[in-house]
């Protein structure tokens, strides 16, 4: 049985972003005729008053052993979807309103492979 990924509470989420730590969120997948697309986003602090929200769509290239989502091929490598904001609150509001991100489902940066592993194992059952 896989351990559930620990989601950040709202205090941890905003605190991490304020001190320059990245957060991520799995947004799901879409089954196409010949392939599967996975969707996720991350939010990071670039400068003291500049936060970036990056939305990513990539091919589902993982398997039982390989869960490195950040290394999967992008659906459209020429289409970078990046937005900049002056505050954590603006970035989080945008991610929620635009991409359906949930404040309760953010994880620390670098943990997306654990989220993908849970997804991968669930689709094998």
C-alpha atoms as a PDB file:
ATOM      1  CA  UNK A   1       0.000   0.000   0.000  1.00  0.00           C
ATOM      2  CA  UNK A   2       1.354   3.428  -0.942  1.00  0.00           C
ATOM      3  CA  UNK A   3       1.597   6.167   1.632  1.00  0.00           C
ATOM      4  CA  UNK A   4      -0.566   9.145   0.853  1.00  0.00           C
ATOM      5  CA  UNK A   5       1.275  12.311  -0.120  1.00  0.00           C
ATOM      6  CA  UNK A   6       1.149  14.870   2.665  1.00  0.00           C
ATOM      7  CA  UNK A   7      -0.680  17.974   1.540  1.00  0.00           C
ATOM      8  CA  UNK A   8       0.286  21.371   2.899  1.00  0.00           C
ATOM      9  CA  UNK A   9      -2.174  23.241   5.081  1.00  0.00           C
ATOM     10  CA  UNK A  10      -2.881  26.864   4.085  1.00  0.00           C
ATOM     11  CA  UNK A  11      -0.337  28.248   6.587  1.00  0.00           C
ATOM     12  CA  UNK A  12       2.426  25.893   5.372  1.00  0.00           C
ATOM     13  CA  UNK A  13       1.534  26.671   1.759  1.00  0.00           C
ATOM     14  CA  UNK A  14       1.851  30.438   2.054  1.00  0.00           C
ATOM     15  CA  UNK A  15       4.855  30.235   4.392  1.00  0.00           C
ATOM     16  CA  UNK A  16       6.761  27.990   1.967  1.00  0.00           C
ATOM     17  CA  UNK A  17       6.105  30.352  -0.917  1.00  0.00           C
ATOM     18  CA  UNK A  18       7.089  33.435   1.098  1.00  0.00           C
ATOM     19  CA  UNK A  19      10.468  31.901   1.975  1.00  0.00           C
ATOM     20  CA  UNK A  20      11.138  30.850  -1.615  1.00  0.00           C
ATOM     21  CA  UNK A  21      10.163  27.161  -1.550  1.00  0.00           C
ATOM     22  CA  UNK A  22       8.299  25.784  -4.565  1.00  0.00           C
ATOM     23  CA  UNK A  23       4.914  24.069  -4.302  1.00  0.00           C
ATOM     24  CA  UNK A  24       3.240  21.762  -6.814  1.00  0.00           C
ATOM     25  CA  UNK A  25      -0.168  20.300  -7.555  1.00  0.00           C
ATOM     26  CA  UNK A  26      -1.344  17.349  -9.626  1.00  0.00           C
ATOM     27  CA  UNK A  27      -4.312  18.468 -11.747  1.00  0.00           C
ATOM     28  CA  UNK A  28      -5.214  15.184 -13.378  1.00  0.00           C
ATOM     29  CA  UNK A  29      -4.978  13.485 -16.722  1.00  0.00           C
ATOM     30  CA  UNK A  30      -6.797  13.344 -20.051  1.00  0.00           C
ATOM     31  CA  UNK A  31      -7.076  10.186 -22.145  1.00  0.00           C
ATOM     32  CA  UNK A  32      -6.601  10.891 -25.843  1.00  0.00           C
ATOM     33  CA  UNK A  33      -6.942   8.302 -28.614  1.00  0.00           C
ATOM     34  CA  UNK A  34      -3.264   7.311 -28.741  1.00  0.00           C
ATOM     35  CA  UNK A  35      -1.794   8.774 -25.577  1.00  0.00           C
ATOM     36  CA  UNK A  36      -2.498  10.202 -22.120  1.00  0.00           C
ATOM     37  CA  UNK A  37      -1.779  13.773 -21.081  1.00  0.00           C
ATOM     38  CA  UNK A  38      -0.998  14.588 -17.473  1.00  0.00           C
ATOM     39  CA  UNK A  39      -1.578  18.074 -16.074  1.00  0.00           C
ATOM     40  CA  UNK A  40       0.107  19.744 -13.129  1.00  0.00           C
ATOM     41  CA  UNK A  41       1.352  23.116 -11.992  1.00  0.00           C
ATOM     42  CA  UNK A  42       3.916  24.652  -9.739  1.00  0.00           C
ATOM     43  CA  UNK A  43       4.253  27.981  -8.011  1.00  0.00           C
ATOM     44  CA  UNK A  44       7.613  29.490  -7.120  1.00  0.00           C
ATOM     45  CA  UNK A  45       9.080  32.742  -5.855  1.00  0.00           C
ATOM     46  CA  UNK A  46      11.393  34.367  -8.418  1.00  0.00           C
ATOM     47  CA  UNK A  47      12.191  37.635  -6.640  1.00  0.00           C
ATOM     48  CA  UNK A  48      10.997  39.226  -3.387  1.00  0.00           C
ATOM     49  CA  UNK A  49       7.853  40.526  -5.130  1.00  0.00           C
ATOM     50  CA  UNK A  50       7.475  38.175  -8.082  1.00  0.00           C
ATOM     51  CA  UNK A  51       5.769  34.788  -7.978  1.00  0.00           C
ATOM     52  CA  UNK A  52       5.366  32.523 -10.974  1.00  0.00           C
ATOM     53  CA  UNK A  53       2.593  30.046 -11.728  1.00  0.00           C
ATOM     54  CA  UNK A  54       3.617  27.473 -14.357  1.00  0.00           C
ATOM     55  CA  UNK A  55       1.018  25.163 -15.868  1.00  0.00           C
ATOM     56  CA  UNK A  56       2.374  21.986 -17.462  1.00  0.00           C
ATOM     57  CA  UNK A  57       0.861  19.408 -19.795  1.00  0.00           C
ATOM     58  CA  UNK A  58       3.057  16.444 -20.645  1.00  0.00           C
ATOM     59  CA  UNK A  59       2.776  12.989 -22.104  1.00  0.00           C
ATOM     60  CA  UNK A  60       2.296  10.205 -19.570  1.00  0.00           C
ATOM     61  CA  UNK A  61       5.634   8.454 -20.101  1.00  0.00           C
ATOM     62  CA  UNK A  62       5.999   6.908 -16.669  1.00  0.00           C
ATOM     63  CA  UNK A  63       5.957   3.295 -15.661  1.00  0.00           C
ATOM     64  CA  UNK A  64       6.235   1.237 -12.505  1.00  0.00           C
ATOM     65  CA  UNK A  65       9.793   2.445 -11.879  1.00  0.00           C
ATOM     66  CA  UNK A  66       9.974   5.892 -13.534  1.00  0.00           C
ATOM     67  CA  UNK A  67       7.898   8.674 -11.958  1.00  0.00           C
ATOM     68  CA  UNK A  68       9.981  11.767 -12.767  1.00  0.00           C
ATOM     69  CA  UNK A  69       7.116  13.897 -14.091  1.00  0.00           C
ATOM     70  CA  UNK A  70       9.365  16.938 -14.636  1.00  0.00           C
ATOM     71  CA  UNK A  71      11.349  14.895 -17.190  1.00  0.00           C
ATOM     72  CA  UNK A  72       8.341  13.745 -19.240  1.00  0.00           C
ATOM     73  CA  UNK A  73       8.037  15.191 -22.756  1.00  0.00           C
ATOM     74  CA  UNK A  74       5.899  18.315 -22.918  1.00  0.00           C
ATOM     75  CA  UNK A  75       2.733  18.115 -24.985  1.00  0.00           C
ATOM     76  CA  UNK A  76       3.732  21.336 -26.776  1.00  0.00           C
ATOM     77  CA  UNK A  77       7.364  22.287 -26.018  1.00  0.00           C
ATOM     78  CA  UNK A  78       6.928  25.697 -27.675  1.00  0.00           C
ATOM     79  CA  UNK A  79       3.961  26.667 -25.526  1.00  0.00           C
ATOM     80  CA  UNK A  80       5.170  27.715 -22.103  1.00  0.00           C
ATOM     81  CA  UNK A  81       2.256  28.669 -19.866  1.00  0.00           C
ATOM     82  CA  UNK A  82       3.752  30.947 -17.239  1.00  0.00           C
ATOM     83  CA  UNK A  83       2.103  33.785 -15.345  1.00  0.00           C
ATOM     84  CA  UNK A  84       3.658  36.279 -12.926  1.00  0.00           C
ATOM     85  CA  UNK A  85       2.185  37.874  -9.812  1.00  0.00           C
ATOM     86  CA  UNK A  86       3.224  40.381  -7.163  1.00  0.00           C
ATOM     87  CA  UNK A  87       1.974  38.311  -4.220  1.00  0.00           C
ATOM     88  CA  UNK A  88       1.464  34.750  -3.034  1.00  0.00           C
ATOM     89  CA  UNK A  89      -2.250  35.408  -2.646  1.00  0.00           C
ATOM     90  CA  UNK A  90      -2.623  36.595  -6.249  1.00  0.00           C
ATOM     91  CA  UNK A  91      -0.726  33.546  -7.545  1.00  0.00           C
ATOM     92  CA  UNK A  92      -2.851  31.121  -5.509  1.00  0.00           C
ATOM     93  CA  UNK A  93      -6.105  32.816  -6.536  1.00  0.00           C
ATOM     94  CA  UNK A  94      -5.084  32.667 -10.187  1.00  0.00           C
ATOM     95  CA  UNK A  95      -4.089  28.976  -9.967  1.00  0.00           C
ATOM     96  CA  UNK A  96      -7.419  28.187  -8.350  1.00  0.00           C
ATOM     97  CA  UNK A  97      -9.613  30.215 -10.694  1.00  0.00           C
ATOM     98  CA  UNK A  98      -7.772  29.417 -13.926  1.00  0.00           C
ATOM     99  CA  UNK A  99      -6.657  25.811 -13.489  1.00  0.00           C
ATOM    100  CA  UNK A 100      -8.973  24.523 -10.777  1.00  0.00           C
ATOM    101  CA  UNK A 101      -6.152  24.098  -8.271  1.00  0.00           C
ATOM    102  CA  UNK A 102      -7.294  23.385  -4.733  1.00  0.00           C
ATOM    103  CA  UNK A 103      -5.660  25.192  -1.812  1.00  0.00           C
ATOM    104  CA  UNK A 104      -5.921  21.916   0.147  1.00  0.00           C
ATOM    105  CA  UNK A 105      -3.993  19.812  -2.405  1.00  0.00           C
ATOM    106  CA  UNK A 106      -0.626  21.525  -2.794  1.00  0.00           C
ATOM    107  CA  UNK A 107       2.486  19.526  -2.009  1.00  0.00           C
ATOM    108  CA  UNK A 108       6.085  20.620  -1.394  1.00  0.00           C
ATOM    109  CA  UNK A 109       8.199  21.103  -4.505  1.00  0.00           C
ATOM    110  CA  UNK A 110       9.938  17.929  -5.582  1.00  0.00           C
ATOM    111  CA  UNK A 111       7.105  15.645  -4.456  1.00  0.00           C
ATOM    112  CA  UNK A 112       5.290  15.378  -7.792  1.00  0.00           C
ATOM    113  CA  UNK A 113       6.870  11.983  -8.441  1.00  0.00           C
ATOM    114  CA  UNK A 114       5.019  10.629  -5.364  1.00  0.00           C
ATOM    115  CA  UNK A 115       1.723  12.029  -6.696  1.00  0.00           C
ATOM    116  CA  UNK A 116       2.407  10.465 -10.080  1.00  0.00           C
ATOM    117  CA  UNK A 117       3.257   7.116  -8.453  1.00  0.00           C
ATOM    118  CA  UNK A 118      -0.126   7.108  -6.691  1.00  0.00           C
ATOM    119  CA  UNK A 119      -1.863   7.905  -9.995  1.00  0.00           C
ATOM    120  CA  UNK A 120       0.120   5.259 -11.895  1.00  0.00           C
ATOM    121  CA  UNK A 121      -0.635   2.528  -9.382  1.00  0.00           C
ATOM    122  CA  UNK A 122      -4.328   3.448  -9.248  1.00  0.00           C
ATOM    123  CA  UNK A 123      -4.666   3.038 -13.018  1.00  0.00           C
ATOM    124  CA  UNK A 124      -3.054  -0.428 -12.853  1.00  0.00           C
ATOM    125  CA  UNK A 125      -5.774  -1.810 -10.580  1.00  0.00           C
END
